[in-house]
All heavy atoms as atom14 arrays in JSON, in Angstrom:
{
  "sequence": "DAGSSTELNALDASWGDLNAVDRATAADPAKLSRQQASVAKWLSHR",
  "atom14_mask": [
    [1, 1, 1, 1, 1, 1, 1, 1, 0, 0, 0, 0, 0, 0],
    [1, 1, 1, 1, 1, 0, 0, 0, 0, 0, 0, 0, 0, 0],
    [1, 1, 1, 1, 0, 0, 0, 0, 0, 0, 0, 0, 0, 0],
    [1, 1, 1, 1, 1, 1, 0, 0, 0, 0, 0, 0, 0, 0],
    [1, 1, 1, 1, 1, 1, 0, 0, 0, 0, 0, 0, 0, 0],
    [1, 1, 1, 1, 1, 1, 1, 0, 0, 0, 0, 0, 0, 0],
    [1, 1, 1, 1, 1, 1, 1, 1, 1, 0, 0, 0, 0, 0],
    [1, 1, 1, 1, 1, 1, 1, 1, 0, 0, 0, 0, 0, 0],
    [1, 1, 1, 1, 1, 1, 1, 1, 0, 0, 0, 0, 0, 0],
    [1, 1, 1, 1, 1, 0, 0, 0, 0, 0, 0, 0, 0, 0],
    [1, 1, 1, 1, 1, 1, 1, 1, 0, 0, 0, 0, 0, 0],
    [1, 1, 1, 1, 1, 1, 1, 1, 0, 0, 0, 0, 0, 0],
    [1, 1, 1, 1, 1, 0, 0, 0, 0, 0, 0, 0, 0, 0],
    [1, 1, 1, 1, 1, 1, 0, 0, 0, 0, 0, 0, 0, 0],
    [1, 1, 1, 1, 1, 1, 1, 1, 1, 1, 1, 1, 1, 1],
    [1, 1, 1, 1, 0, 0, 0, 0, 0, 0, 0, 0, 0, 0],
    [1, 1, 1, 1, 1, 1, 1, 1, 0, 0, 0, 0, 0, 0],
    [1, 1, 1, 1, 1, 1, 1, 1, 0, 0, 0, 0, 0, 0],
    [1, 1, 1, 1, 1, 1, 1, 1, 0, 0, 0, 0, 0, 0],
    [1, 1, 1, 1, 1, 0, 0, 0, 0, 0, 0, 0, 0, 0],
    [1, 1, 1, 1, 1, 1, 1, 0, 0, 0, 0, 0, 0, 0],
    [1, 1, 1, 1, 1, 1, 1, 1, 0, 0, 0, 0, 0, 0],
    [1, 1, 1, 1, 1, 1, 1, 1, 1, 1, 1, 0, 0, 0],
    [1, 1, 1, 1, 1, 0, 0, 0, 0, 0, 0, 0, 0, 0],
    [1, 1, 1, 1, 1, 1, 1, 0, 0, 0, 0, 0, 0, 0],
    [1, 1, 1, 1, 1, 0, 0, 0, 0, 0, 0, 0, 0, 0],
    [1, 1, 1, 1, 1, 0, 0, 0, 0, 0, 0, 0, 0, 0],
    [1, 1, 1, 1, 1, 1, 1, 1, 0, 0, 0, 0, 0, 0],
    [1, 1, 1, 1, 1, 1, 1, 0, 0, 0, 0, 0, 0, 0],
    [1, 1, 1, 1, 1, 0, 0, 0, 0, 0, 0, 0, 0, 0],
    [1, 1, 1, 1, 1, 1, 1, 1, 1, 0, 0, 0, 0, 0],
    [1, 1, 1, 1, 1, 1, 1, 1, 0, 0, 0, 0, 0, 0],
    [1, 1, 1, 1, 1, 1, 0, 0, 0, 0, 0, 0, 0, 0],
    [1, 1, 1, 1, 1, 1, 1, 1, 1, 1, 1, 0, 0, 0],
    [1, 1, 1, 1, 1, 1, 1, 1, 1, 0, 0, 0, 0, 0],
    [1, 1, 1, 1, 1, 1, 1, 1, 1, 0, 0, 0, 0, 0],
    [1, 1, 1, 1, 1, 0, 0, 0, 0, 0, 0, 0, 0, 0],
    [1, 1, 1, 1, 1, 1, 0, 0, 0, 0, 0, 0, 0, 0],
    [1, 1, 1, 1, 1, 1, 1, 0, 0, 0, 0, 0, 0, 0],
    [1, 1, 1, 1, 1, 0, 0, 0, 0, 0, 0, 0, 0, 0],
    [1, 1, 1, 1, 1, 1, 1, 1, 1, 0, 0, 0, 0, 0],
    [1, 1, 1, 1, 1, 1, 1, 1, 1, 1, 1, 1, 1, 1],
    [1, 1, 1, 1, 1, 1, 1, 1, 0, 0, 0, 0, 0, 0],
    [1, 1, 1, 1, 1, 1, 0, 0, 0, 0, 0, 0, 0, 0],
    [1, 1, 1, 1, 1, 1, 1, 1, 1, 1, 0, 0, 0, 0],
    [1, 1, 1, 1, 1, 1, 1, 1, 1, 1, 1, 0, 0, 0]
  ],
  "atom14_positions": [
    [[39.88, 22.71, -75.1], [39.74, 23.75, -74.13], [39.11, 24.99, -74.81], [38.36, 25.72, -74.11], [41.07, 24.09, -73.52], [41.67, 22.99, -72.63], [40.82, 22.13, -72.13], [42.95, 22.96, -72.41], [0.0, 0.0, 0.0], [0.0, 0.0, 0.0], [0.0, 0.0, 0.0], [0.0, 0.0, 0.0], [0.0, 0.0, 0.0], [0.0, 0.0, 0.0]],
    [[39.54, 25.34, -76.0], [39.0, 26.46, -76.77], [37.47, 26.24, -76.96], [36.78, 27.17, -76.89], [39.73, 26.58, -78.07], [0.0, 0.0, 0.0], [0.0, 0.0, 0.0], [0.0, 0.0, 0.0], [0.0, 0.0, 0.0], [0.0, 0.0, 0.0], [0.0, 0.0, 0.0], [0.0, 0.0, 0.0], [0.0, 0.0, 0.0], [0.0, 0.0, 0.0]],
    [[37.14, 24.99, -77.3], [35.71, 24.77, -77.55], [34.94, 24.98, -76.27], [33.8, 25.51, -76.22], [0.0, 0.0, 0.0], [0.0, 0.0, 0.0], [0.0, 0.0, 0.0], [0.0, 0.0, 0.0], [0.0, 0.0, 0.0], [0.0, 0.0, 0.0], [0.0, 0.0, 0.0], [0.0, 0.0, 0.0], [0.0, 0.0, 0.0], [0.0, 0.0, 0.0]],
    [[35.41, 24.51, -75.08], [34.76, 24.72, -73.77], [34.63, 26.22, -73.48], [33.55, 26.64, -73.0], [35.49, 24.02, -72.77], [35.55, 22.6, -72.87], [0.0, 0.0, 0.0], [0.0, 0.0, 0.0], [0.0, 0.0, 0.0], [0.0, 0.0, 0.0], [0.0, 0.0, 0.0], [0.0, 0.0, 0.0], [0.0, 0.0, 0.0], [0.0, 0.0, 0.0]],
    [[35.69, 26.94, -73.76], [35.62, 28.44, -73.54], [34.53, 29.13, -74.37], [33.83, 29.97, -73.95], [37.02, 28.96, -73.79], [36.95, 30.36, -73.59], [0.0, 0.0, 0.0], [0.0, 0.0, 0.0], [0.0, 0.0, 0.0], [0.0, 0.0, 0.0], [0.0, 0.0, 0.0], [0.0, 0.0, 0.0], [0.0, 0.0, 0.0], [0.0, 0.0, 0.0]],
    [[34.49, 28.66, -75.7], [33.45, 29.19, -76.5], [32.11, 28.89, -76.01], [31.15, 29.73, -76.02], [33.62, 28.61, -77.99], [34.96, 28.97, -78.46], [32.61, 29.21, -78.99], [0.0, 0.0, 0.0], [0.0, 0.0, 0.0], [0.0, 0.0, 0.0], [0.0, 0.0, 0.0], [0.0, 0.0, 0.0], [0.0, 0.0, 0.0], [0.0, 0.0, 0.0]],
    [[31.9, 27.64, -75.56], [30.56, 27.23, -75.01], [30.18, 28.06, -73.86], [29.09, 28.47, -73.62], [30.57, 25.76, -74.74], [30.63, 24.8, -75.96], [30.69, 23.4, -75.54], [30.7, 23.13, -74.29], [30.81, 22.53, -76.41], [0.0, 0.0, 0.0], [0.0, 0.0, 0.0], [0.0, 0.0, 0.0], [0.0, 0.0, 0.0], [0.0, 0.0, 0.0]],
    [[31.26, 28.3, -72.99], [31.01, 29.13, -71.81], [30.61, 30.54, -72.07], [29.69, 31.21, -71.54], [32.29, 28.98, -70.84], [32.13, 29.78, -69.52], [31.02, 29.17, -68.66], [33.48, 29.69, -68.83], [0.0, 0.0, 0.0], [0.0, 0.0, 0.0], [0.0, 0.0, 0.0], [0.0, 0.0, 0.0], [0.0, 0.0, 0.0], [0.0, 0.0, 0.0]],
    [[31.31, 31.03, -73.1], [31.05, 32.4, -73.51], [29.64, 32.56, -74.11], [28.92, 33.51, -73.91], [32.05, 32.95, -74.55], [33.47, 33.16, -73.93], [33.48, 33.43, -72.77], [34.46, 33.08, -74.77], [0.0, 0.0, 0.0], [0.0, 0.0, 0.0], [0.0, 0.0, 0.0], [0.0, 0.0, 0.0], [0.0, 0.0, 0.0], [0.0, 0.0, 0.0]],
    [[29.24, 31.48, -74.85], [27.93, 31.46, -75.4], [26.95, 31.39, -74.23], [25.79, 31.99, -74.38], [27.73, 30.21, -76.38], [0.0, 0.0, 0.0], [0.0, 0.0, 0.0], [0.0, 0.0, 0.0], [0.0, 0.0, 0.0], [0.0, 0.0, 0.0], [0.0, 0.0, 0.0], [0.0, 0.0, 0.0], [0.0, 0.0, 0.0], [0.0, 0.0, 0.0]],
    [[27.16, 30.6, -73.3], [26.27, 30.53, -72.05], [26.12, 31.8, -71.43], [24.98, 32.32, -71.04], [26.78, 29.45, -71.16], [25.86, 29.18, -69.87], [24.5, 28.7, -70.27], [26.53, 28.25, -68.97], [0.0, 0.0, 0.0], [0.0, 0.0, 0.0], [0.0, 0.0, 0.0], [0.0, 0.0, 0.0], [0.0, 0.0, 0.0], [0.0, 0.0, 0.0]],
    [[27.16, 32.57, -71.23], [27.18, 33.85, -70.64], [26.37, 34.81, -71.34], [25.56, 35.6, -70.88], [28.63, 34.38, -70.43], [29.4, 33.74, -69.36], [28.81, 32.96, -68.57], [30.65, 33.74, -69.47], [0.0, 0.0, 0.0], [0.0, 0.0, 0.0], [0.0, 0.0, 0.0], [0.0, 0.0, 0.0], [0.0, 0.0, 0.0], [0.0, 0.0, 0.0]],
    [[26.49, 34.71, -72.75], [25.64, 35.59, -73.62], [24.27, 35.29, -73.45], [23.4, 36.19, -73.48], [26.2, 35.52, -75.02], [0.0, 0.0, 0.0], [0.0, 0.0, 0.0], [0.0, 0.0, 0.0], [0.0, 0.0, 0.0], [0.0, 0.0, 0.0], [0.0, 0.0, 0.0], [0.0, 0.0, 0.0], [0.0, 0.0, 0.0], [0.0, 0.0, 0.0]],
    [[23.81, 34.03, -73.45], [22.48, 33.72, -73.32], [21.86, 34.07, -72.03], [20.64, 34.44, -71.94], [22.31, 32.14, -73.5], [22.81, 31.45, -72.18], [0.0, 0.0, 0.0], [0.0, 0.0, 0.0], [0.0, 0.0, 0.0], [0.0, 0.0, 0.0], [0.0, 0.0, 0.0], [0.0, 0.0, 0.0], [0.0, 0.0, 0.0], [0.0, 0.0, 0.0]],
    [[22.59, 34.29, -70.92], [22.12, 34.71, -69.67], [22.07, 36.23, -69.6], [21.42, 36.78, -68.8], [22.99, 34.2, -68.57], [22.59, 32.81, -68.03], [23.27, 31.66, -68.5], [21.63, 32.46, -67.12], [22.72, 30.58, -67.92], [21.66, 31.04, -67.12], [20.63, 33.09, -66.45], [20.79, 30.33, -66.4], [19.81, 32.39, -65.71], [19.84, 30.96, -65.55]],
    [[22.79, 36.85, -70.47], [22.88, 38.36, -70.49], [21.58, 39.0, -70.92], [20.83, 38.43, -71.63], [0.0, 0.0, 0.0], [0.0, 0.0, 0.0], [0.0, 0.0, 0.0], [0.0, 0.0, 0.0], [0.0, 0.0, 0.0], [0.0, 0.0, 0.0], [0.0, 0.0, 0.0], [0.0, 0.0, 0.0], [0.0, 0.0, 0.0], [0.0, 0.0, 0.0]],
    [[21.42, 40.25, -70.61], [20.32, 41.07, -71.05], [20.7, 42.53, -71.08], [20.81, 43.19, -70.04], [19.12, 40.83, -70.06], [17.88, 41.63, -70.58], [17.92, 42.27, -71.5], [16.79, 41.32, -69.91], [0.0, 0.0, 0.0], [0.0, 0.0, 0.0], [0.0, 0.0, 0.0], [0.0, 0.0, 0.0], [0.0, 0.0, 0.0], [0.0, 0.0, 0.0]],
    [[21.02, 43.0, -72.3], [21.5, 44.39, -72.42], [20.46, 45.4, -72.04], [20.86, 46.58, -71.88], [22.05, 44.6, -73.89], [23.3, 43.7, -74.25], [23.62, 44.09, -75.69], [24.45, 44.03, -73.34], [0.0, 0.0, 0.0], [0.0, 0.0, 0.0], [0.0, 0.0, 0.0], [0.0, 0.0, 0.0], [0.0, 0.0, 0.0], [0.0, 0.0, 0.0]],
    [[19.23, 45.03, -72.01], [18.2, 45.96, -71.66], [17.95, 46.04, -70.2], [17.08, 46.87, -69.73], [16.85, 45.5, -72.46], [16.92, 45.59, -73.82], [17.57, 46.5, -74.37], [16.32, 44.69, -74.6], [0.0, 0.0, 0.0], [0.0, 0.0, 0.0], [0.0, 0.0, 0.0], [0.0, 0.0, 0.0], [0.0, 0.0, 0.0], [0.0, 0.0, 0.0]],
    [[18.65, 45.21, -69.44], [18.41, 45.28, -67.92], [18.63, 46.72, -67.35], [17.95, 47.03, -66.46], [19.37, 44.27, -67.32], [0.0, 0.0, 0.0], [0.0, 0.0, 0.0], [0.0, 0.0, 0.0], [0.0, 0.0, 0.0], [0.0, 0.0, 0.0], [0.0, 0.0, 0.0], [0.0, 0.0, 0.0], [0.0, 0.0, 0.0], [0.0, 0.0, 0.0]],
    [[19.64, 47.39, -67.86], [20.0, 48.64, -67.36], [18.81, 49.64, -67.58], [18.64, 50.63, -66.72], [21.31, 49.18, -67.93], [21.1, 49.57, -69.48], [21.83, 50.43, -67.19], [0.0, 0.0, 0.0], [0.0, 0.0, 0.0], [0.0, 0.0, 0.0], [0.0, 0.0, 0.0], [0.0, 0.0, 0.0], [0.0, 0.0, 0.0], [0.0, 0.0, 0.0]],
    [[18.04, 49.47, -68.64], [16.89, 50.38, -68.81], [15.69, 50.1, -67.87], [14.99, 51.05, -67.67], [16.37, 50.07, -70.29], [17.35, 50.46, -71.33], [18.17, 51.41, -71.05], [17.33, 49.92, -72.43], [0.0, 0.0, 0.0], [0.0, 0.0, 0.0], [0.0, 0.0, 0.0], [0.0, 0.0, 0.0], [0.0, 0.0, 0.0], [0.0, 0.0, 0.0]],
    [[15.7, 48.86, -67.22], [14.68, 48.65, -66.26], [15.03, 48.91, -64.88], [14.29, 48.92, -63.95], [14.27, 47.07, -66.36], [13.67, 46.68, -67.69], [13.06, 45.33, -67.56], [14.0, 44.28, -67.21], [14.8, 43.62, -68.04], [14.71, 43.84, -69.32], [15.59, 42.69, -67.63], [0.0, 0.0, 0.0], [0.0, 0.0, 0.0], [0.0, 0.0, 0.0]],
    [[16.32, 49.19, -64.66], [16.83, 49.52, -63.28], [16.21, 50.85, -62.75], [16.21, 51.84, -63.49], [18.36, 49.59, -63.34], [0.0, 0.0, 0.0], [0.0, 0.0, 0.0], [0.0, 0.0, 0.0], [0.0, 0.0, 0.0], [0.0, 0.0, 0.0], [0.0, 0.0, 0.0], [0.0, 0.0, 0.0], [0.0, 0.0, 0.0], [0.0, 0.0, 0.0]],
    [[15.81, 50.82, -61.57], [15.32, 52.02, -60.94], [16.53, 52.8, -60.35], [16.93, 52.59, -59.14], [14.37, 51.71, -59.76], [13.31, 50.95, -60.37], [13.74, 53.0, -59.19], [0.0, 0.0, 0.0], [0.0, 0.0, 0.0], [0.0, 0.0, 0.0], [0.0, 0.0, 0.0], [0.0, 0.0, 0.0], [0.0, 0.0, 0.0], [0.0, 0.0, 0.0]],
    [[17.12, 53.66, -61.17], [18.39, 54.25, -60.77], [18.56, 55.53, -61.64], [17.98, 55.69, -62.73], [19.59, 53.39, -60.94], [0.0, 0.0, 0.0], [0.0, 0.0, 0.0], [0.0, 0.0, 0.0], [0.0, 0.0, 0.0], [0.0, 0.0, 0.0], [0.0, 0.0, 0.0], [0.0, 0.0, 0.0], [0.0, 0.0, 0.0], [0.0, 0.0, 0.0]],
    [[19.24, 56.49, -61.13], [19.55, 57.77, -61.81], [20.87, 58.24, -61.31], [21.3, 57.98, -60.18], [18.46, 58.8, -61.51], [0.0, 0.0, 0.0], [0.0, 0.0, 0.0], [0.0, 0.0, 0.0], [0.0, 0.0, 0.0], [0.0, 0.0, 0.0], [0.0, 0.0, 0.0], [0.0, 0.0, 0.0], [0.0, 0.0, 0.0], [0.0, 0.0, 0.0]],
    [[21.56, 59.01, -62.12], [22.91, 59.52, -61.73], [22.66, 60.76, -60.86], [21.98, 61.71, -61.24], [23.57, 60.02, -63.04], [24.99, 60.51, -62.73], [25.43, 60.62, -61.59], [25.68, 60.73, -63.8], [0.0, 0.0, 0.0], [0.0, 0.0, 0.0], [0.0, 0.0, 0.0], [0.0, 0.0, 0.0], [0.0, 0.0, 0.0], [0.0, 0.0, 0.0]],
    [[23.11, 60.72, -59.64], [22.95, 61.83, -58.69], [23.46, 63.15, -59.23], [22.94, 64.19, -58.9], [23.68, 61.37, -57.46], [23.76, 59.84, -57.48], [23.88, 59.56, -59.03], [0.0, 0.0, 0.0], [0.0, 0.0, 0.0], [0.0, 0.0, 0.0], [0.0, 0.0, 0.0], [0.0, 0.0, 0.0], [0.0, 0.0, 0.0], [0.0, 0.0, 0.0]],
    [[24.51, 63.06, -60.09], [25.08, 64.2, -60.67], [24.08, 65.02, -61.57], [24.34, 66.17, -61.88], [26.32, 63.92, -61.39], [0.0, 0.0, 0.0], [0.0, 0.0, 0.0], [0.0, 0.0, 0.0], [0.0, 0.0, 0.0], [0.0, 0.0, 0.0], [0.0, 0.0, 0.0], [0.0, 0.0, 0.0], [0.0, 0.0, 0.0], [0.0, 0.0, 0.0]],
    [[23.12, 64.29, -62.08], [22.19, 64.94, -62.95], [20.92, 65.51, -62.33], [19.96, 66.08, -62.99], [21.67, 63.89, -64.03], [22.87, 63.53, -65.0], [22.38, 62.51, -66.01], [23.63, 62.05, -66.85], [23.14, 61.13, -68.01], [0.0, 0.0, 0.0], [0.0, 0.0, 0.0], [0.0, 0.0, 0.0], [0.0, 0.0, 0.0], [0.0, 0.0, 0.0]],
    [[20.83, 65.41, -61.03], [19.78, 65.98, -60.23], [19.92, 67.44, -60.01], [21.11, 67.97, -60.05], [19.59, 65.35, -58.88], [18.71, 64.06, -58.79], [19.15, 62.92, -59.74], [18.64, 63.5, -57.37], [0.0, 0.0, 0.0], [0.0, 0.0, 0.0], [0.0, 0.0, 0.0], [0.0, 0.0, 0.0], [0.0, 0.0, 0.0], [0.0, 0.0, 0.0]],
    [[18.89, 68.18, -59.72], [18.99, 69.59, -59.29], [19.77, 69.7, -57.93], [19.85, 68.6, -57.28], [17.65, 70.19, -59.26], [16.99, 69.73, -58.09], [0.0, 0.0, 0.0], [0.0, 0.0, 0.0], [0.0, 0.0, 0.0], [0.0, 0.0, 0.0], [0.0, 0.0, 0.0], [0.0, 0.0, 0.0], [0.0, 0.0, 0.0], [0.0, 0.0, 0.0]],
    [[20.16, 70.77, -57.6], [20.88, 70.95, -56.33], [20.1, 70.52, -55.16], [20.52, 69.78, -54.22], [21.35, 72.3, -56.11], [22.29, 72.58, -54.83], [22.85, 74.0, -54.91], [23.65, 74.26, -53.8], [24.26, 75.32, -53.54], [24.15, 76.36, -54.33], [25.12, 75.51, -52.44], [0.0, 0.0, 0.0], [0.0, 0.0, 0.0], [0.0, 0.0, 0.0]],
    [[18.7, 70.91, -55.12], [17.87, 70.49, -54.12], [17.71, 68.95, -53.98], [17.83, 68.33, -52.98], [16.48, 71.13, -54.32], [16.27, 72.56, -53.87], [14.81, 72.92, -53.9], [14.16, 72.68, -54.91], [14.36, 73.7, -52.95], [0.0, 0.0, 0.0], [0.0, 0.0, 0.0], [0.0, 0.0, 0.0], [0.0, 0.0, 0.0], [0.0, 0.0, 0.0]],
    [[17.39, 68.41, -55.13], [17.19, 67.01, -55.15], [18.45, 66.14, -54.86], [18.33, 65.18, -54.08], [16.74, 66.54, -56.62], [15.39, 67.18, -57.03], [15.03, 66.93, -58.42], [15.87, 66.23, -59.18], [13.97, 67.42, -58.89], [0.0, 0.0, 0.0], [0.0, 0.0, 0.0], [0.0, 0.0, 0.0], [0.0, 0.0, 0.0], [0.0, 0.0, 0.0]],
    [[19.66, 66.62, -55.3], [20.8, 65.96, -54.94], [21.12, 65.95, -53.4], [21.56, 64.96, -52.86], [21.97, 66.59, -55.78], [0.0, 0.0, 0.0], [0.0, 0.0, 0.0], [0.0, 0.0, 0.0], [0.0, 0.0, 0.0], [0.0, 0.0, 0.0], [0.0, 0.0, 0.0], [0.0, 0.0, 0.0], [0.0, 0.0, 0.0], [0.0, 0.0, 0.0]],
    [[20.79, 67.15, -52.78], [21.11, 67.17, -51.41], [20.18, 66.26, -50.53], [20.56, 65.55, -49.7], [20.79, 68.61, -50.94], [21.71, 69.53, -51.52], [0.0, 0.0, 0.0], [0.0, 0.0, 0.0], [0.0, 0.0, 0.0], [0.0, 0.0, 0.0], [0.0, 0.0, 0.0], [0.0, 0.0, 0.0], [0.0, 0.0, 0.0], [0.0, 0.0, 0.0]],
    [[18.93, 66.23, -51.05], [17.92, 65.32, -50.42], [18.36, 63.81, -50.7], [18.28, 63.01, -49.64], [16.51, 65.56, -50.89], [15.56, 64.52, -50.5], [16.0, 66.94, -50.42], [0.0, 0.0, 0.0], [0.0, 0.0, 0.0], [0.0, 0.0, 0.0], [0.0, 0.0, 0.0], [0.0, 0.0, 0.0], [0.0, 0.0, 0.0], [0.0, 0.0, 0.0]],
    [[18.69, 63.45, -51.85], [19.05, 62.07, -52.19], [20.3, 61.69, -51.4], [20.33, 60.5, -50.84], [19.31, 61.94, -53.67], [0.0, 0.0, 0.0], [0.0, 0.0, 0.0], [0.0, 0.0, 0.0], [0.0, 0.0, 0.0], [0.0, 0.0, 0.0], [0.0, 0.0, 0.0], [0.0, 0.0, 0.0], [0.0, 0.0, 0.0], [0.0, 0.0, 0.0]],
    [[21.24, 62.57, -51.26], [22.45, 62.2, -50.52], [22.17, 61.93, -49.02], [22.64, 60.98, -48.42], [23.53, 63.32, -50.65], [24.89, 63.05, -49.93], [25.79, 64.19, -50.18], [27.09, 63.93, -49.42], [28.11, 65.08, -49.59], [0.0, 0.0, 0.0], [0.0, 0.0, 0.0], [0.0, 0.0, 0.0], [0.0, 0.0, 0.0], [0.0, 0.0, 0.0]],
    [[21.36, 62.81, -48.51], [20.91, 62.66, -47.04], [20.21, 61.42, -46.76], [20.5, 60.69, -45.89], [20.07, 63.95, -46.63], [19.92, 64.09, -45.16], [20.75, 64.53, -44.23], [18.72, 63.7, -44.43], [20.15, 64.54, -42.97], [18.91, 64.03, -43.01], [17.48, 63.02, -44.83], [17.95, 63.78, -42.12], [16.5, 62.9, -43.85], [16.78, 63.19, -42.43]],
    [[19.23, 61.13, -47.65], [18.47, 59.92, -47.53], [19.33, 58.62, -47.69], [19.15, 57.65, -46.99], [17.28, 59.84, -48.52], [16.22, 60.78, -48.21], [15.17, 60.81, -49.43], [15.4, 60.43, -46.96], [0.0, 0.0, 0.0], [0.0, 0.0, 0.0], [0.0, 0.0, 0.0], [0.0, 0.0, 0.0], [0.0, 0.0, 0.0], [0.0, 0.0, 0.0]],
    [[20.18, 58.72, -48.65], [21.17, 57.67, -48.84], [21.9, 57.26, -47.63], [22.04, 56.08, -47.15], [22.11, 57.87, -50.0], [23.07, 56.89, -50.16], [0.0, 0.0, 0.0], [0.0, 0.0, 0.0], [0.0, 0.0, 0.0], [0.0, 0.0, 0.0], [0.0, 0.0, 0.0], [0.0, 0.0, 0.0], [0.0, 0.0, 0.0], [0.0, 0.0, 0.0]],
    [[22.4, 58.27, -46.91], [23.25, 58.04, -45.69], [22.29, 57.69, -44.51], [22.67, 56.77, -43.73], [24.05, 59.28, -45.34], [25.13, 59.55, -46.29], [26.29, 58.76, -46.24], [25.45, 60.54, -47.16], [27.12, 59.19, -47.22], [26.59, 60.31, -47.64], [0.0, 0.0, 0.0], [0.0, 0.0, 0.0], [0.0, 0.0, 0.0], [0.0, 0.0, 0.0]],
    [[21.21, 58.19, -44.4], [20.3, 58.05, -43.34], [19.71, 56.6, -43.31], [19.66, 55.93, -42.21], [19.2, 59.04, -43.2], [18.18, 59.03, -42.04], [17.34, 60.15, -42.03], [16.33, 60.21, -41.06], [16.47, 60.59, -39.77], [17.64, 60.9, -39.3], [15.46, 60.65, -38.92], [0.0, 0.0, 0.0], [0.0, 0.0, 0.0], [0.0, 0.0, 0.0]]
  ]
}
């Protein structure tokens, strides 16, 4: 069972990609200017 768990963890690691977050088109709304944050919030809801 321990061996199977190790193999599963290894498989998960092989599928992982720590650089994926760098490619994501996303930004923290809290870091936007007040104008930009207001526009982003409105568009998100609309």
